[in-house]
PDB file of N, CA and C in Angstrom:
ATOM      1  N   UNK A   1     136.143 -28.858   9.005  1.00  0.00           N
ATOM      2  CA  UNK A   1     136.245 -29.604   7.535  1.00  0.00           C
ATOM      3  C   UNK A   1     134.761 -29.945   6.394  1.00  0.00           C
ATOM      4  N   UNK A   2     135.686 -29.396   5.360  1.00  0.00           N
ATOM      5  CA  UNK A   2     134.575 -29.350   4.225  1.00  0.00           C
ATOM      6  C   UNK A   2     133.153 -30.284   3.721  1.00  0.00           C
ATOM      7  N   UNK A   3     132.113 -29.849   3.934  1.00  0.00           N
ATOM      8  CA  UNK A   3     131.203 -29.944   3.283  1.00  0.00           C
ATOM      9  C   UNK A   3     131.194 -31.972   2.340  1.00  0.00           C
ATOM     10  N   UNK A   4     131.988 -30.839   1.502  1.00  0.00           N
ATOM     11  CA  UNK A   4     131.785 -31.301  -0.063  1.00  0.00           C
ATOM     12  C   UNK A   4     132.444 -32.854   0.153  1.00  0.00           C
ATOM     13  N   UNK A   5     131.383 -33.732  -0.240  1.00  0.00           N
ATOM     14  CA  UNK A   5     131.732 -35.352  -0.653  1.00  0.00           C
ATOM     15  C   UNK A   5     132.230 -36.424  -2.060  1.00  0.00           C
ATOM     16  N   UNK A   6     132.097 -35.252  -2.409  1.00  0.00           N
ATOM     17  CA  UNK A   6     132.213 -35.455  -4.045  1.00  0.00           C
ATOM     18  C   UNK A   6     133.559 -36.457  -3.954  1.00  0.00           C
ATOM     19  N   UNK A   7     133.421 -37.677  -4.436  1.00  0.00           N
ATOM     20  CA  UNK A   7     134.247 -38.849  -4.978  1.00  0.00           C
ATOM     21  C   UNK A   7     134.826 -39.517  -3.961  1.00  0.00           C
ATOM     22  N   UNK A   8     134.463 -39.626  -2.709  1.00  0.00           N
ATOM     23  CA  UNK A   8     134.313 -39.960  -0.859  1.00  0.00           C
ATOM     24  C   UNK A   8     133.026 -41.303  -1.221  1.00  0.00           C
ATOM     25  N   UNK A   9     133.342 -42.639  -1.190  1.00  0.00           N
ATOM     26  CA  UNK A   9     132.867 -43.846  -0.029  1.00  0.00           C
ATOM     27  C   UNK A   9     132.095 -43.378   0.989  1.00  0.00           C
ATOM     28  N   UNK A  10     130.733 -44.011   1.149  1.00  0.00           N
ATOM     29  CA  UNK A  10     130.732 -44.449   2.699  1.00  0.00           C
ATOM     30  C   UNK A  10     131.942 -44.721   3.502  1.00  0.00           C
ATOM     31  N   UNK A  11     132.020 -45.760   2.919  1.00  0.00           N
ATOM     32  CA  UNK A  11     133.208 -46.732   4.046  1.00  0.00           C
ATOM     33  C   UNK A  11     134.415 -45.957   3.568  1.00  0.00           C
ATOM     34  N   UNK A  12     135.361 -45.073   2.889  1.00  0.00           N
ATOM     35  CA  UNK A  12     136.274 -44.036   2.564  1.00  0.00           C
ATOM     36  C   UNK A  12     136.095 -42.802   4.062  1.00  0.00           C
ATOM     37  N   UNK A  13     134.516 -42.974   4.106  1.00  0.00           N
ATOM     38  CA  UNK A  13     134.107 -41.963   5.198  1.00  0.00           C
ATOM     39  C   UNK A  13     134.232 -41.999   6.714  1.00  0.00           C
ATOM     40  N   UNK A  14     133.851 -42.800   7.127  1.00  0.00           N
ATOM     41  CA  UNK A  14     133.678 -43.747   8.149  1.00  0.00           C
ATOM     42  C   UNK A  14     134.797 -44.029   7.893  1.00  0.00           C
ATOM     43  N   UNK A  15     136.304 -44.945   7.921  1.00  0.00           N
ATOM     44  CA  UNK A  15     137.495 -45.232   7.810  1.00  0.00           C
ATOM     45  C   UNK A  15     138.208 -43.517   7.827  1.00  0.00           C
ATOM     46  N   UNK A  16     137.649 -42.834   7.360  1.00  0.00           N
ATOM     47  CA  UNK A  16     138.295 -41.381   7.603  1.00  0.00           C
ATOM     48  C   UNK A  16     138.615 -40.717   9.157  1.00  0.00           C
ATOM     49  N   UNK A  17     136.400 -40.951   9.275  1.00  0.00           N
ATOM     50  CA  UNK A  17     136.653 -40.177  10.761  1.00  0.00           C
ATOM     51  C   UNK A  17     137.536 -40.891  11.572  1.00  0.00           C
ATOM     52  N   UNK A  18     137.167 -42.475  11.816  1.00  0.00           N
ATOM     53  CA  UNK A  18     137.682 -43.194  12.597  1.00  0.00           C
ATOM     54  C   UNK A  18     139.370 -42.587  12.702  1.00  0.00           C
ATOM     55  N   UNK A  19     140.040 -42.420  11.675  1.00  0.00           N
ATOM     56  CA  UNK A  19     141.199 -42.582  12.084  1.00  0.00           C
ATOM     57  C   UNK A  19     141.570 -41.130  12.688  1.00  0.00           C
ATOM     58  N   UNK A  20     140.744 -39.868  12.250  1.00  0.00           N
ATOM     59  CA  UNK A  20     141.117 -38.832  12.362  1.00  0.00           C
ATOM     60  C   UNK A  20     140.829 -38.432  14.292  1.00  0.00           C
ATOM     61  N   UNK A  21     139.297 -39.098  14.467  1.00  0.00           N
ATOM     62  CA  UNK A  21     139.527 -39.078  15.771  1.00  0.00           C
ATOM     63  C   UNK A  21     140.355 -39.905  16.437  1.00  0.00           C
ATOM     64  N   UNK A  22     141.418 -40.947  15.660  1.00  0.00           N
ATOM     65  CA  UNK A  22     141.783 -41.928  16.405  1.00  0.00           C
ATOM     66  C   UNK A  22     143.136 -40.975  16.517  1.00  0.00           C
ATOM     67  N   UNK A  23     143.810 -40.139  15.515  1.00  0.00           N
ATOM     68  CA  UNK A  23     144.402 -39.214  15.639  1.00  0.00           C
ATOM     69  C   UNK A  23     144.587 -38.509  16.680  1.00  0.00           C
ATOM     70  N   UNK A  24     143.494 -37.645  17.085  1.00  0.00           N
ATOM     71  CA  UNK A  24     142.730 -36.795  17.985  1.00  0.00           C
ATOM     72  C   UNK A  24     142.926 -36.970  19.159  1.00  0.00           C
ATOM     73  N   UNK A  25     142.789 -38.628  19.587  1.00  0.00           N
ATOM     74  CA  UNK A  25     142.969 -38.732  21.054  1.00  0.00           C
ATOM     75  C   UNK A  25     143.875 -39.048  21.344  1.00  0.00           C
ATOM     76  N   UNK A  26     144.553 -40.195  20.356  1.00  0.00           N
ATOM     77  CA  UNK A  26     145.560 -40.943  20.486  1.00  0.00           C
ATOM     78  C   UNK A  26     147.093 -40.031  20.069  1.00  0.00           C
ATOM     79  N   UNK A  27     146.762 -39.729  19.318  1.00  0.00           N
ATOM     80  CA  UNK A  27     148.167 -39.139  18.073  1.00  0.00           C
ATOM     81  C   UNK A  27     149.077 -37.529  19.092  1.00  0.00           C
ATOM     82  N   UNK A  28     149.651 -37.563  18.556  1.00  0.00           N
ATOM     83  CA  UNK A  28     151.017 -36.565  19.634  1.00  0.00           C
ATOM     84  C   UNK A  28     150.638 -35.286  20.121  1.00  0.00           C
ATOM     85  N   UNK A  29     151.055 -35.205  20.718  1.00  0.00           N
ATOM     86  CA  UNK A  29     150.018 -33.436  21.372  1.00  0.00           C
ATOM     87  C   UNK A  29     150.664 -32.200  19.991  1.00  0.00           C
ATOM     88  N   UNK A  30     151.229 -32.186  19.648  1.00  0.00           N
ATOM     89  CA  UNK A  30     151.744 -30.776  18.790  1.00  0.00           C
ATOM     90  C   UNK A  30     152.998 -31.364  18.990  1.00  0.00           C
ATOM     91  N   UNK A  31     153.290 -30.967  16.735  1.00  0.00           N
ATOM     92  CA  UNK A  31     153.933 -31.280  15.902  1.00  0.00           C
ATOM     93  C   UNK A  31     154.148 -30.294  14.607  1.00  0.00           C
ATOM     94  N   UNK A  32     154.809 -30.100  14.165  1.00  0.00           N
ATOM     95  CA  UNK A  32     155.475 -28.900  13.172  1.00  0.00           C
ATOM     96  C   UNK A  32     154.086 -29.121  12.066  1.00  0.00           C
ATOM     97  N   UNK A  33     153.453 -28.075  11.630  1.00  0.00           N
ATOM     98  CA  UNK A  33     152.056 -28.333  10.562  1.00  0.00           C
ATOM     99  C   UNK A  33     152.757 -29.454   9.155  1.00  0.00           C
ATOM    100  N   UNK A  34     153.601 -29.416   8.904  1.00  0.00           N
ATOM    101  CA  UNK A  34     153.617 -30.519   7.793  1.00  0.00           C
ATOM    102  C   UNK A  34     153.538 -31.516   8.417  1.00  0.00           C
ATOM    103  N   UNK A  35     153.955 -31.656   9.810  1.00  0.00           N
ATOM    104  CA  UNK A  35     154.545 -33.553  10.058  1.00  0.00           C
ATOM    105  C   UNK A  35     152.504 -33.657  10.919  1.00  0.00           C
ATOM    106  N   UNK A  36     152.136 -32.495  11.304  1.00  0.00           N
ATOM    107  CA  UNK A  36     150.999 -33.191  12.082  1.00  0.00           C
ATOM    108  C   UNK A  36     149.483 -33.619  11.396  1.00  0.00           C
ATOM    109  N   UNK A  37     149.936 -35.390  12.382  1.00  0.00           N
ATOM    110  CA  UNK A  37     148.732 -36.075  11.439  1.00  0.00           C
ATOM    111  C   UNK A  37     147.651 -35.450  10.972  1.00  0.00           C
ATOM    112  N   UNK A  38     146.627 -34.641  11.881  1.00  0.00           N
ATOM    113  CA  UNK A  38     145.335 -34.633  11.779  1.00  0.00           C
ATOM    114  C   UNK A  38     145.444 -33.469  10.551  1.00  0.00           C
ATOM    115  N   UNK A  39     146.035 -33.134  10.231  1.00  0.00           N
ATOM    116  CA  UNK A  39     145.989 -31.955   9.153  1.00  0.00           C
ATOM    117  C   UNK A  39     146.440 -32.544   7.616  1.00  0.00           C
ATOM    118  N   UNK A  40     147.337 -33.647   7.694  1.00  0.00           N
ATOM    119  CA  UNK A  40     147.601 -34.523   6.977  1.00  0.00           C
ATOM    120  C   UNK A  40     146.054 -35.232   6.365  1.00  0.00           C
ATOM    121  N   UNK A  41     145.712 -35.389   7.069  1.00  0.00           N
ATOM    122  CA  UNK A  41     144.501 -36.021   6.953  1.00  0.00           C
ATOM    123  C   UNK A  41     143.001 -35.511   6.173  1.00  0.00           C
ATOM    124  N   UNK A  42     143.629 -34.284   6.948  1.00  0.00           N
ATOM    125  CA  UNK A  42     142.086 -33.255   6.220  1.00  0.00           C
ATOM    126  C   UNK A  42     143.130 -33.255   4.815  1.00  0.00           C
ATOM    127  N   UNK A  43     144.339 -32.890   4.718  1.00  0.00           N
ATOM    128  CA  UNK A  43     145.179 -32.392   3.308  1.00  0.00           C
ATOM    129  C   UNK A  43     145.152 -33.658   2.025  1.00  0.00           C
ATOM    130  N   UNK A  44     144.670 -34.730   2.684  1.00  0.00           N
ATOM    131  CA  UNK A  44     144.368 -35.712   1.724  1.00  0.00           C
ATOM    132  C   UNK A  44     142.838 -36.240   1.383  1.00  0.00           C
ATOM    133  N   UNK A  45     141.759 -36.264   2.157  1.00  0.00           N
ATOM    134  CA  UNK A  45     140.596 -35.719   1.679  1.00  0.00           C
ATOM    135  C   UNK A  45     140.498 -34.922   0.871  1.00  0.00           C
ATOM    136  N   UNK A  46     140.907 -33.557   0.450  1.00  0.00           N
ATOM    137  CA  UNK A  46     141.058 -32.330   0.118  1.00  0.00           C
ATOM    138  C   UNK A  46     140.952 -32.427  -1.145  1.00  0.00           C
ATOM    139  N   UNK A  47     142.658 -33.170  -0.914  1.00  0.00           N
ATOM    140  CA  UNK A  47     143.102 -33.588  -2.630  1.00  0.00           C
ATOM    141  C   UNK A  47     142.183 -34.989  -3.189  1.00  0.00           C
ATOM    142  N   UNK A  48     141.512 -35.393  -2.346  1.00  0.00           N
ATOM    143  CA  UNK A  48     140.880 -37.032  -3.196  1.00  0.00           C
ATOM    144  C   UNK A  48     139.613 -36.265  -4.211  1.00  0.00           C
ATOM    145  N   UNK A  49     138.713 -35.248  -3.420  1.00  0.00           N
ATOM    146  CA  UNK A  49     137.404 -34.286  -3.734  1.00  0.00           C
ATOM    147  C   UNK A  49     137.918 -33.534  -4.863  1.00  0.00           C
ATOM    148  N   UNK A  50     139.201 -33.280  -5.122  1.00  0.00           N
ATOM    149  CA  UNK A  50     140.226 -32.242  -5.925  1.00  0.00           C
ATOM    150  C   UNK A  50     139.456 -32.582  -6.758  1.00  0.00           C
ATOM    151  N   UNK A  51     140.148 -34.143  -6.750  1.00  0.00           N
ATOM    152  CA  UNK A  51     140.747 -34.890  -7.850  1.00  0.00           C
ATOM    153  C   UNK A  51     139.539 -35.680  -8.692  1.00  0.00           C
ATOM    154  N   UNK A  52     138.093 -35.974  -7.868  1.00  0.00           N
ATOM    155  CA  UNK A  52     136.991 -36.093  -8.024  1.00  0.00           C
ATOM    156  C   UNK A  52     136.609 -35.539  -8.960  1.00  0.00           C
ATOM    157  N   UNK A  53     136.882 -33.897  -8.372  1.00  0.00           N
ATOM    158  CA  UNK A  53     136.328 -32.958  -9.244  1.00  0.00           C
ATOM    159  C   UNK A  53     136.631 -32.815 -10.747  1.00  0.00           C
ATOM    160  N   UNK A  54     138.381 -33.077 -10.869  1.00  0.00           N
ATOM    161  CA  UNK A  54     138.280 -32.869 -12.165  1.00  0.00           C
ATOM    162  C   UNK A  54     138.057 -34.155 -12.558  1.00  0.00           C
ATOM    163  N   UNK A  55     137.583 -34.999 -12.460  1.00  0.00           N
ATOM    164  CA  UNK A  55     137.913 -35.931 -13.197  1.00  0.00           C
ATOM    165  C   UNK A  55     136.563 -35.970 -13.777  1.00  0.00           C
ATOM    166  N   UNK A  56     135.054 -34.841 -13.150  1.00  0.00           N
ATOM    167  CA  UNK A  56     133.662 -34.821 -13.712  1.00  0.00           C
ATOM    168  C   UNK A  56     134.146 -33.825 -14.259  1.00  0.00           C
ATOM    169  N   UNK A  57     135.048 -32.843 -14.182  1.00  0.00           N
ATOM    170  CA  UNK A  57     134.770 -31.672 -14.622  1.00  0.00           C
ATOM    171  C   UNK A  57     133.730 -30.722 -14.170  1.00  0.00           C
ATOM    172  N   UNK A  58     133.874 -30.687 -13.025  1.00  0.00           N
ATOM    173  CA  UNK A  58     133.014 -29.482 -11.327  1.00  0.00           C
ATOM    174  C   UNK A  58     134.226 -29.309 -11.005  1.00  0.00           C
ATOM    175  N   UNK A  59     132.798 -28.495 -11.003  1.00  0.00           N
ATOM    176  CA  UNK A  59     133.769 -26.900  -9.964  1.00  0.00           C
ATOM    177  C   UNK A  59     133.702 -27.726  -8.206  1.00  0.00           C
ATOM    178  N   UNK A  60     134.988 -27.601  -7.688  1.00  0.00           N
ATOM    179  CA  UNK A  60     134.571 -27.883  -5.663  1.00  0.00           C
ATOM    180  C   UNK A  60     133.408 -26.544  -5.174  1.00  0.00           C
ATOM    181  N   UNK A  61     132.934 -27.371  -4.605  1.00  0.00           N
ATOM    182  CA  UNK A  61     131.967 -25.983  -3.346  1.00  0.00           C
ATOM    183  C   UNK A  61     132.960 -24.993  -2.459  1.00  0.00           C
ATOM    184  N   UNK A  62     132.634 -24.201  -2.143  1.00  0.00           N
ATOM    185  CA  UNK A  62     133.314 -22.763  -1.396  1.00  0.00           C
ATOM    186  C   UNK A  62     133.843 -23.559   0.148  1.00  0.00           C
TER     187      UNK A  62
END
């Protein structure tokens, strides 16, 4: 997981972590990469960070 938290509020980060742990513990064993809930959460977070960087006109950290 990327450490870049640009544009992510504290509440979002806490609830994201709770959802990620919940999916890790109670989620399905294996799914296709497109249907995997953990991957979907990671992609959602990356999209939000990229959108915040685009709005601010900065470059995301690698």
